[in-house]
C-alpha atoms as a PDB file:
ATOM      1  CA  UNK A   1       0.000   0.000   0.000  1.00  0.00           C
ATOM      2  CA  UNK A   2       2.886   2.379   0.749  1.00  0.00           C
ATOM      3  CA  UNK A   3       4.318   1.593  -2.684  1.00  0.00           C
ATOM      4  CA  UNK A   4       0.961   2.348  -4.338  1.00  0.00           C
ATOM      5  CA  UNK A   5       0.660   5.565  -2.356  1.00  0.00           C
ATOM      6  CA  UNK A   6       4.117   6.681  -3.494  1.00  0.00           C
ATOM      7  CA  UNK A   7       3.282   5.919  -7.121  1.00  0.00           C
ATOM      8  CA  UNK A   8      -0.066   7.724  -6.963  1.00  0.00           C
ATOM      9  CA  UNK A   9       1.676  10.782  -5.547  1.00  0.00           C
ATOM     10  CA  UNK A  10       3.754  10.981  -8.740  1.00  0.00           C
ATOM     11  CA  UNK A  11       0.598  11.600 -10.758  1.00  0.00           C
ATOM     12  CA  UNK A  12       0.799   8.366 -12.762  1.00  0.00           C
ATOM     13  CA  UNK A  13      -2.819   7.592 -13.953  1.00  0.00           C
ATOM     14  CA  UNK A  14      -2.183   3.841 -13.847  1.00  0.00           C
ATOM     15  CA  UNK A  15      -0.975   4.118 -10.283  1.00  0.00           C
ATOM     16  CA  UNK A  16      -4.039   6.118  -9.282  1.00  0.00           C
ATOM     17  CA  UNK A  17      -6.254   3.436 -10.831  1.00  0.00           C
ATOM     18  CA  UNK A  18      -4.455   0.741  -8.847  1.00  0.00           C
ATOM     19  CA  UNK A  19      -4.848   2.750  -5.674  1.00  0.00           C
ATOM     20  CA  UNK A  20      -8.584   3.144  -6.353  1.00  0.00           C
ATOM     21  CA  UNK A  21      -8.907  -0.592  -6.892  1.00  0.00           C
ATOM     22  CA  UNK A  22      -7.506  -1.075  -3.411  1.00  0.00           C
ATOM     23  CA  UNK A  23     -10.319   0.980  -1.848  1.00  0.00           C
ATOM     24  CA  UNK A  24     -12.037  -0.966   0.943  1.00  0.00           C
ATOM     25  CA  UNK A  25     -15.143  -2.824  -0.144  1.00  0.00           C
ATOM     26  CA  UNK A  26     -16.159  -5.021   2.813  1.00  0.00           C
ATOM     27  CA  UNK A  27     -19.084  -7.411   2.748  1.00  0.00           C
ATOM     28  CA  UNK A  28     -20.330  -6.126   6.090  1.00  0.00           C
ATOM     29  CA  UNK A  29     -20.246  -2.392   6.775  1.00  0.00           C
ATOM     30  CA  UNK A  30     -22.404  -1.085   9.679  1.00  0.00           C
ATOM     31  CA  UNK A  31     -21.669   2.471   8.602  1.00  0.00           C
ATOM     32  CA  UNK A  32     -23.511   1.868   5.330  1.00  0.00           C
ATOM     33  CA  UNK A  33     -26.631   0.858   7.261  1.00  0.00           C
ATOM     34  CA  UNK A  34     -26.496   3.862   9.576  1.00  0.00           C
ATOM     35  CA  UNK A  35     -25.763   6.308   6.758  1.00  0.00           C
ATOM     36  CA  UNK A  36     -28.585   4.980   4.569  1.00  0.00           C
ATOM     37  CA  UNK A  37     -31.110   3.994   7.235  1.00  0.00           C
ATOM     38  CA  UNK A  38     -33.984   6.051   5.829  1.00  0.00           C
ATOM     39  CA  UNK A  39     -33.528   4.561   2.366  1.00  0.00           C
ATOM     40  CA  UNK A  40     -33.341   1.015   3.740  1.00  0.00           C
ATOM     41  CA  UNK A  41     -36.478   1.481   5.838  1.00  0.00           C
ATOM     42  CA  UNK A  42     -38.312   2.870   2.808  1.00  0.00           C
ATOM     43  CA  UNK A  43     -37.448  -0.164   0.698  1.00  0.00           C
ATOM     44  CA  UNK A  44     -38.290  -2.472   3.615  1.00  0.00           C
ATOM     45  CA  UNK A  45     -41.719  -0.878   3.936  1.00  0.00           C
ATOM     46  CA  UNK A  46     -42.380  -1.376   0.241  1.00  0.00           C
ATOM     47  CA  UNK A  47     -41.227  -5.001   0.509  1.00  0.00           C
ATOM     48  CA  UNK A  48     -43.598  -5.660   3.410  1.00  0.00           C
ATOM     49  CA  UNK A  49     -46.550  -3.958   1.700  1.00  0.00           C
ATOM     50  CA  UNK A  50     -46.103  -5.948  -1.497  1.00  0.00           C
ATOM     51  CA  UNK A  51     -45.685  -9.227   0.395  1.00  0.00           C
ATOM     52  CA  UNK A  52     -48.685  -8.764   2.683  1.00  0.00           C
ATOM     53  CA  UNK A  53     -50.870  -7.446  -0.126  1.00  0.00           C
ATOM     54  CA  UNK A  54     -50.010 -10.313  -2.475  1.00  0.00           C
ATOM     55  CA  UNK A  55     -50.572 -13.043   0.123  1.00  0.00           C
ATOM     56  CA  UNK A  56     -53.864 -11.564   1.342  1.00  0.00           C
ATOM     57  CA  UNK A  57     -55.210 -11.104  -2.187  1.00  0.00           C
ATOM     58  CA  UNK A  58     -53.980 -14.573  -3.116  1.00  0.00           C
ATOM     59  CA  UNK A  59     -55.800 -16.072  -0.128  1.00  0.00           C
ATOM     60  CA  UNK A  60     -59.025 -14.246  -1.014  1.00  0.00           C
ATOM     61  CA  UNK A  61     -58.848 -15.661  -4.538  1.00  0.00           C
ATOM     62  CA  UNK A  62     -57.593 -19.136  -3.614  1.00  0.00           C
ATOM     63  CA  UNK A  63     -60.244 -19.932  -0.995  1.00  0.00           C
ATOM     64  CA  UNK A  64     -63.267 -19.658  -3.324  1.00  0.00           C
ATOM     65  CA  UNK A  65     -61.384 -21.616  -5.980  1.00  0.00           C
ATOM     66  CA  UNK A  66     -60.588 -24.357  -3.465  1.00  0.00           C
ATOM     67  CA  UNK A  67     -64.216 -24.488  -2.285  1.00  0.00           C
ATOM     68  CA  UNK A  68     -65.382 -24.725  -5.893  1.00  0.00           C
ATOM     69  CA  UNK A  69     -62.864 -27.464  -6.669  1.00  0.00           C
ATOM     70  CA  UNK A  70     -63.976 -29.478  -3.630  1.00  0.00           C
ATOM     71  CA  UNK A  71     -67.654 -29.117  -4.481  1.00  0.00           C
ATOM     72  CA  UNK A  72     -67.167 -30.071  -8.149  1.00  0.00           C
ATOM     73  CA  UNK A  73     -64.400 -32.645  -8.378  1.00  0.00           C
ATOM     74  CA  UNK A  74     -64.219 -32.319 -12.164  1.00  0.00           C
ATOM     75  CA  UNK A  75     -62.931 -28.759 -11.631  1.00  0.00           C
ATOM     76  CA  UNK A  76     -60.153 -29.747  -9.215  1.00  0.00           C
ATOM     77  CA  UNK A  77     -57.737 -30.724 -11.976  1.00  0.00           C
ATOM     78  CA  UNK A  78     -58.277 -27.633 -14.160  1.00  0.00           C
ATOM     79  CA  UNK A  79     -58.096 -25.251 -11.172  1.00  0.00           C
ATOM     80  CA  UNK A  80     -54.838 -26.739  -9.923  1.00  0.00           C
ATOM     81  CA  UNK A  81     -53.461 -26.959 -13.445  1.00  0.00           C
ATOM     82  CA  UNK A  82     -54.274 -23.341 -14.243  1.00  0.00           C
ATOM     83  CA  UNK A  83     -52.604 -22.057 -11.076  1.00  0.00           C
ATOM     84  CA  UNK A  84     -49.527 -24.132 -11.880  1.00  0.00           C
ATOM     85  CA  UNK A  85     -49.377 -22.794 -15.438  1.00  0.00           C
ATOM     86  CA  UNK A  86     -49.543 -19.205 -14.169  1.00  0.00           C
ATOM     87  CA  UNK A  87     -46.583 -19.914 -11.871  1.00  0.00           C
ATOM     88  CA  UNK A  88     -44.454 -21.016 -14.835  1.00  0.00           C
ATOM     89  CA  UNK A  89     -44.836 -17.659 -16.614  1.00  0.00           C
ATOM     90  CA  UNK A  90     -41.531 -15.739 -16.317  1.00  0.00           C
ATOM     91  CA  UNK A  91     -41.806 -12.561 -14.274  1.00  0.00           C
ATOM     92  CA  UNK A  92     -40.518 -10.422 -17.152  1.00  0.00           C
ATOM     93  CA  UNK A  93     -43.258 -11.713 -19.434  1.00  0.00           C
ATOM     94  CA  UNK A  94     -45.851 -11.323 -16.688  1.00  0.00           C
ATOM     95  CA  UNK A  95     -44.929  -7.691 -16.039  1.00  0.00           C
ATOM     96  CA  UNK A  96     -44.821  -6.953 -19.772  1.00  0.00           C
ATOM     97  CA  UNK A  97     -48.343  -8.336 -20.151  1.00  0.00           C
ATOM     98  CA  UNK A  98     -49.683  -6.347 -17.175  1.00  0.00           C
ATOM     99  CA  UNK A  99     -47.880  -3.072 -17.944  1.00  0.00           C
ATOM    100  CA  UNK A 100     -50.413  -1.790 -20.540  1.00  0.00           C
ATOM    101  CA  UNK A 101     -53.186  -2.088 -17.943  1.00  0.00           C
ATOM    102  CA  UNK A 102     -51.388  -0.947 -14.768  1.00  0.00           C
ATOM    103  CA  UNK A 103     -48.580   1.268 -16.046  1.00  0.00           C
ATOM    104  CA  UNK A 104     -45.013   0.099 -16.761  1.00  0.00           C
ATOM    105  CA  UNK A 105     -43.535   1.401 -13.491  1.00  0.00           C
ATOM    106  CA  UNK A 106     -46.485   0.859 -11.169  1.00  0.00           C
ATOM    107  CA  UNK A 107     -46.317  -1.086  -7.893  1.00  0.00           C
ATOM    108  CA  UNK A 108     -49.707  -2.498  -8.925  1.00  0.00           C
ATOM    109  CA  UNK A 109     -47.974  -4.389 -11.727  1.00  0.00           C
ATOM    110  CA  UNK A 110     -45.733  -6.153  -9.220  1.00  0.00           C
ATOM    111  CA  UNK A 111     -48.600  -6.737  -6.774  1.00  0.00           C
ATOM    112  CA  UNK A 112     -50.799  -8.442  -9.358  1.00  0.00           C
ATOM    113  CA  UNK A 113     -47.944 -10.603 -10.585  1.00  0.00           C
ATOM    114  CA  UNK A 114     -47.013 -11.681  -7.054  1.00  0.00           C
ATOM    115  CA  UNK A 115     -50.655 -12.428  -6.249  1.00  0.00           C
ATOM    116  CA  UNK A 116     -50.920 -14.731  -9.257  1.00  0.00           C
ATOM    117  CA  UNK A 117     -47.727 -16.505  -8.243  1.00  0.00           C
ATOM    118  CA  UNK A 118     -49.111 -17.267  -4.763  1.00  0.00           C
ATOM    119  CA  UNK A 119     -52.078 -19.163  -6.178  1.00  0.00           C
ATOM    120  CA  UNK A 120     -50.144 -22.308  -7.043  1.00  0.00           C
ATOM    121  CA  UNK A 121     -49.285 -22.735  -3.350  1.00  0.00           C
ATOM    122  CA  UNK A 122     -52.463 -21.421  -1.730  1.00  0.00           C
ATOM    123  CA  UNK A 123     -55.027 -23.157  -3.939  1.00  0.00           C
ATOM    124  CA  UNK A 124     -53.308 -26.516  -3.520  1.00  0.00           C
ATOM    125  CA  UNK A 125     -52.966 -26.215   0.260  1.00  0.00           C
ATOM    126  CA  UNK A 126     -56.472 -24.845   0.756  1.00  0.00           C
ATOM    127  CA  UNK A 127     -57.957 -27.656  -1.301  1.00  0.00           C
ATOM    128  CA  UNK A 128     -55.892 -30.259   0.559  1.00  0.00           C
ATOM    129  CA  UNK A 129     -57.085 -28.859   3.889  1.00  0.00           C
ATOM    130  CA  UNK A 130     -60.738 -28.888   2.844  1.00  0.00           C
ATOM    131  CA  UNK A 131     -60.490 -32.396   1.439  1.00  0.00           C
ATOM    132  CA  UNK A 132     -58.936 -33.537   4.717  1.00  0.00           C
ATOM    133  CA  UNK A 133     -62.086 -32.733   6.707  1.00  0.00           C
ATOM    134  CA  UNK A 134     -63.707 -36.119   7.505  1.00  0.00           C
ATOM    135  CA  UNK A 135     -66.931 -36.672   5.583  1.00  0.00           C
ATOM    136  CA  UNK A 136     -68.672 -38.213   8.604  1.00  0.00           C
ATOM    137  CA  UNK A 137     -67.969 -35.077  10.648  1.00  0.00           C
ATOM    138  CA  UNK A 138     -69.561 -32.912   7.974  1.00  0.00           C
ATOM    139  CA  UNK A 139     -72.553 -35.234   7.722  1.00  0.00           C
ATOM    140  CA  UNK A 140     -73.024 -35.145  11.502  1.00  0.00           C
ATOM    141  CA  UNK A 141     -72.925 -31.323  11.418  1.00  0.00           C
ATOM    142  CA  UNK A 142     -75.570 -31.275   8.679  1.00  0.00           C
ATOM    143  CA  UNK A 143     -77.712 -33.628  10.744  1.00  0.00           C
ATOM    144  CA  UNK A 144     -77.516 -31.133  13.604  1.00  0.00           C
ATOM    145  CA  UNK A 145     -78.935 -28.441  11.359  1.00  0.00           C
ATOM    146  CA  UNK A 146     -75.725 -26.663  10.279  1.00  0.00           C
ATOM    147  CA  UNK A 147     -76.194 -24.565   7.150  1.00  0.00           C
ATOM    148  CA  UNK A 148     -73.418 -24.072   4.550  1.00  0.00           C
ATOM    149  CA  UNK A 149     -71.976 -20.940   6.160  1.00  0.00           C
ATOM    150  CA  UNK A 150     -72.021 -22.350   9.692  1.00  0.00           C
ATOM    151  CA  UNK A 151     -70.646 -25.661   8.446  1.00  0.00           C
ATOM    152  CA  UNK A 152     -67.704 -23.913   6.851  1.00  0.00           C
ATOM    153  CA  UNK A 153     -66.956 -21.551   9.740  1.00  0.00           C
ATOM    154  CA  UNK A 154     -67.381 -24.006  12.603  1.00  0.00           C
ATOM    155  CA  UNK A 155     -66.364 -27.324  11.066  1.00  0.00           C
ATOM    156  CA  UNK A 156     -64.399 -27.020   7.818  1.00  0.00           C
ATOM    157  CA  UNK A 157     -62.304 -23.980   8.709  1.00  0.00           C
ATOM    158  CA  UNK A 158     -61.088 -25.121  12.147  1.00  0.00           C
ATOM    159  CA  UNK A 159     -60.179 -28.603  10.909  1.00  0.00           C
ATOM    160  CA  UNK A 160     -58.474 -27.315   7.754  1.00  0.00           C
ATOM    161  CA  UNK A 161     -56.772 -24.375   9.458  1.00  0.00           C
ATOM    162  CA  UNK A 162     -53.376 -26.074  10.092  1.00  0.00           C
ATOM    163  CA  UNK A 163     -53.082 -26.901   6.391  1.00  0.00           C
ATOM    164  CA  UNK A 164     -54.276 -23.407   5.463  1.00  0.00           C
ATOM    165  CA  UNK A 165     -51.623 -21.841   7.687  1.00  0.00           C
ATOM    166  CA  UNK A 166     -48.918 -24.101   6.257  1.00  0.00           C
ATOM    167  CA  UNK A 167     -49.817 -22.838   2.801  1.00  0.00           C
ATOM    168  CA  UNK A 168     -49.803 -19.217   3.962  1.00  0.00           C
ATOM    169  CA  UNK A 169     -46.364 -19.643   5.538  1.00  0.00           C
ATOM    170  CA  UNK A 170     -44.892 -21.154   2.378  1.00  0.00           C
ATOM    171  CA  UNK A 171     -46.536 -18.550   0.166  1.00  0.00           C
ATOM    172  CA  UNK A 172     -45.319 -15.701   2.373  1.00  0.00           C
ATOM    173  CA  UNK A 173     -41.695 -16.844   2.428  1.00  0.00           C
ATOM    174  CA  UNK A 174     -41.806 -17.454  -1.322  1.00  0.00           C
ATOM    175  CA  UNK A 175     -43.305 -14.022  -1.946  1.00  0.00           C
ATOM    176  CA  UNK A 176     -40.632 -12.293   0.151  1.00  0.00           C
ATOM    177  CA  UNK A 177     -38.070 -13.711  -2.262  1.00  0.00           C
ATOM    178  CA  UNK A 178     -40.129 -12.982  -5.378  1.00  0.00           C
ATOM    179  CA  UNK A 179     -40.670  -9.319  -4.500  1.00  0.00           C
ATOM    180  CA  UNK A 180     -37.063  -8.675  -5.510  1.00  0.00           C
ATOM    181  CA  UNK A 181     -37.919  -9.349  -9.175  1.00  0.00           C
ATOM    182  CA  UNK A 182     -39.907  -6.131  -9.019  1.00  0.00           C
ATOM    183  CA  UNK A 183     -36.633  -4.270  -9.623  1.00  0.00           C
ATOM    184  CA  UNK A 184     -37.577  -4.641 -13.290  1.00  0.00           C
ATOM    185  CA  UNK A 185     -40.212  -1.963 -12.697  1.00  0.00           C
ATOM    186  CA  UNK A 186     -38.322  -0.091  -9.981  1.00  0.00           C
ATOM    187  CA  UNK A 187     -40.564  -1.529  -7.253  1.00  0.00           C
ATOM    188  CA  UNK A 188     -38.483  -4.372  -5.873  1.00  0.00           C
ATOM    189  CA  UNK A 189     -38.338  -3.467  -2.197  1.00  0.00           C
ATOM    190  CA  UNK A 190     -35.046  -4.607  -0.720  1.00  0.00           C
ATOM    191  CA  UNK A 191     -34.130  -5.930  -4.145  1.00  0.00           C
ATOM    192  CA  UNK A 192     -33.447  -2.316  -5.099  1.00  0.00           C
ATOM    193  CA  UNK A 193     -30.459  -2.428  -2.737  1.00  0.00           C
ATOM    194  CA  UNK A 194     -29.136  -5.576  -4.379  1.00  0.00           C
ATOM    195  CA  UNK A 195     -29.387  -4.213  -7.911  1.00  0.00           C
ATOM    196  CA  UNK A 196     -28.090  -0.848  -6.717  1.00  0.00           C
ATOM    197  CA  UNK A 197     -24.992  -2.486  -5.283  1.00  0.00           C
ATOM    198  CA  UNK A 198     -24.390  -4.423  -8.494  1.00  0.00           C
ATOM    199  CA  UNK A 199     -24.721  -1.240 -10.527  1.00  0.00           C
ATOM    200  CA  UNK A 200     -22.359   0.618  -8.192  1.00  0.00           C
ATOM    201  CA  UNK A 201     -19.263  -1.322  -9.169  1.00  0.00           C
ATOM    202  CA  UNK A 202     -20.287  -4.355  -7.071  1.00  0.00           C
ATOM    203  CA  UNK A 203     -20.715  -2.477  -3.785  1.00  0.00           C
ATOM    204  CA  UNK A 204     -20.728  -5.422  -1.383  1.00  0.00           C
ATOM    205  CA  UNK A 205     -22.212  -3.713   1.680  1.00  0.00           C
ATOM    206  CA  UNK A 206     -25.309  -2.626  -0.243  1.00  0.00           C
ATOM    207  CA  UNK A 207     -25.766  -6.065  -1.804  1.00  0.00           C
ATOM    208  CA  UNK A 208     -25.419  -7.859   1.521  1.00  0.00           C
ATOM    209  CA  UNK A 209     -27.770  -5.432   3.258  1.00  0.00           C
ATOM    210  CA  UNK A 210     -30.501  -6.151   0.715  1.00  0.00           C
ATOM    211  CA  UNK A 211     -29.931  -9.917   0.740  1.00  0.00           C
ATOM    212  CA  UNK A 212     -29.729 -10.265   4.516  1.00  0.00           C
ATOM    213  CA  UNK A 213     -32.754  -8.002   4.879  1.00  0.00           C
ATOM    214  CA  UNK A 214     -34.790 -10.348   2.668  1.00  0.00           C
ATOM    215  CA  UNK A 215     -33.703 -13.392   4.664  1.00  0.00           C
ATOM    216  CA  UNK A 216     -34.495 -11.762   8.013  1.00  0.00           C
ATOM    217  CA  UNK A 217     -37.860 -10.540   6.740  1.00  0.00           C
ATOM    218  CA  UNK A 218     -38.778 -14.058   5.592  1.00  0.00           C
ATOM    219  CA  UNK A 219     -37.738 -15.541   8.952  1.00  0.00           C
ATOM    220  CA  UNK A 220     -39.697 -12.945  10.928  1.00  0.00           C
ATOM    221  CA  UNK A 221     -42.797 -13.436   8.774  1.00  0.00           C
ATOM    222  CA  UNK A 222     -42.609 -17.219   9.160  1.00  0.00           C
ATOM    223  CA  UNK A 223     -42.214 -16.985  12.946  1.00  0.00           C
ATOM    224  CA  UNK A 224     -45.160 -14.572  13.213  1.00  0.00           C
ATOM    225  CA  UNK A 225     -47.391 -16.849  11.140  1.00  0.00           C
ATOM    226  CA  UNK A 226     -46.296 -19.875  13.167  1.00  0.00           C
ATOM    227  CA  UNK A 227     -47.237 -17.999  16.334  1.00  0.00           C
ATOM    228  CA  UNK A 228     -50.589 -17.024  14.817  1.00  0.00           C
ATOM    229  CA  UNK A 229     -51.250 -20.641  13.881  1.00  0.00           C
ATOM    230  CA  UNK A 230     -50.449 -21.760  17.408  1.00  0.00           C
ATOM    231  CA  UNK A 231     -52.798 -19.097  18.787  1.00  0.00           C
ATOM    232  CA  UNK A 232     -55.654 -20.037  16.459  1.00  0.00           C
ATOM    233  CA  UNK A 233     -55.356 -23.810  16.937  1.00  0.00           C
ATOM    234  CA  UNK A 234     -55.116 -24.412  20.705  1.00  0.00           C
ATOM    235  CA  UNK A 235     -56.567 -27.894  20.278  1.00  0.00           C
ATOM    236  CA  UNK A 236     -53.450 -29.022  18.430  1.00  0.00           C
ATOM    237  CA  UNK A 237     -51.335 -28.103  21.456  1.00  0.00           C
ATOM    238  CA  UNK A 238     -53.671 -30.036  23.730  1.00  0.00           C
ATOM    239  CA  UNK A 239     -53.419 -33.060  21.453  1.00  0.00           C
ATOM    240  CA  UNK A 240     -49.646 -32.873  21.500  1.00  0.00           C
END
């Protein structure tokens, strides 16, 4: 380093370039986080909003589809197949198809795409949970005068809830990772840090901050949903 410093002092351009190449570029830099805290929090908020919005909308769409597929078994295959086909569409093609309707740089474009991607997980898990409710239990509830709404809320939903929650946990963790593809439209949450670091001459601290942030967000979301599942299904703890 002393040799490079002596050369750069002579005004040699090549020496100055070598000295610049030796500039510190650590993988972990707490000062980057403190200096850019507001920006990081802004991207984190966008990441959370897109994740929560996509999973909630996906659940609202998946539940009626799962109920329909259980009621009419001939529809089970097409419903599951269609959700699987949607998942195979590349994100770039998906956003390009949605852009004329939502705007090319709109967060709505990313939200709709993420919602469609959750369906392959949610529809399958919701249908599995509903199909796992014993038929004799449902028949007994009908014999006691339960109507369709009460049957679903007091029999189907509680018994299928563990499977429902498993699907929501998988879909949420998957969506946290998929949000980063939104950088294509400039709405990628923490993915903006990753692409920003790559565009800034491979700035490691920015890349790691975005990547670690995504991992921590997925872990926190999974733990919160696991806690919610435990709270909503006390009978499973009693059984254990």
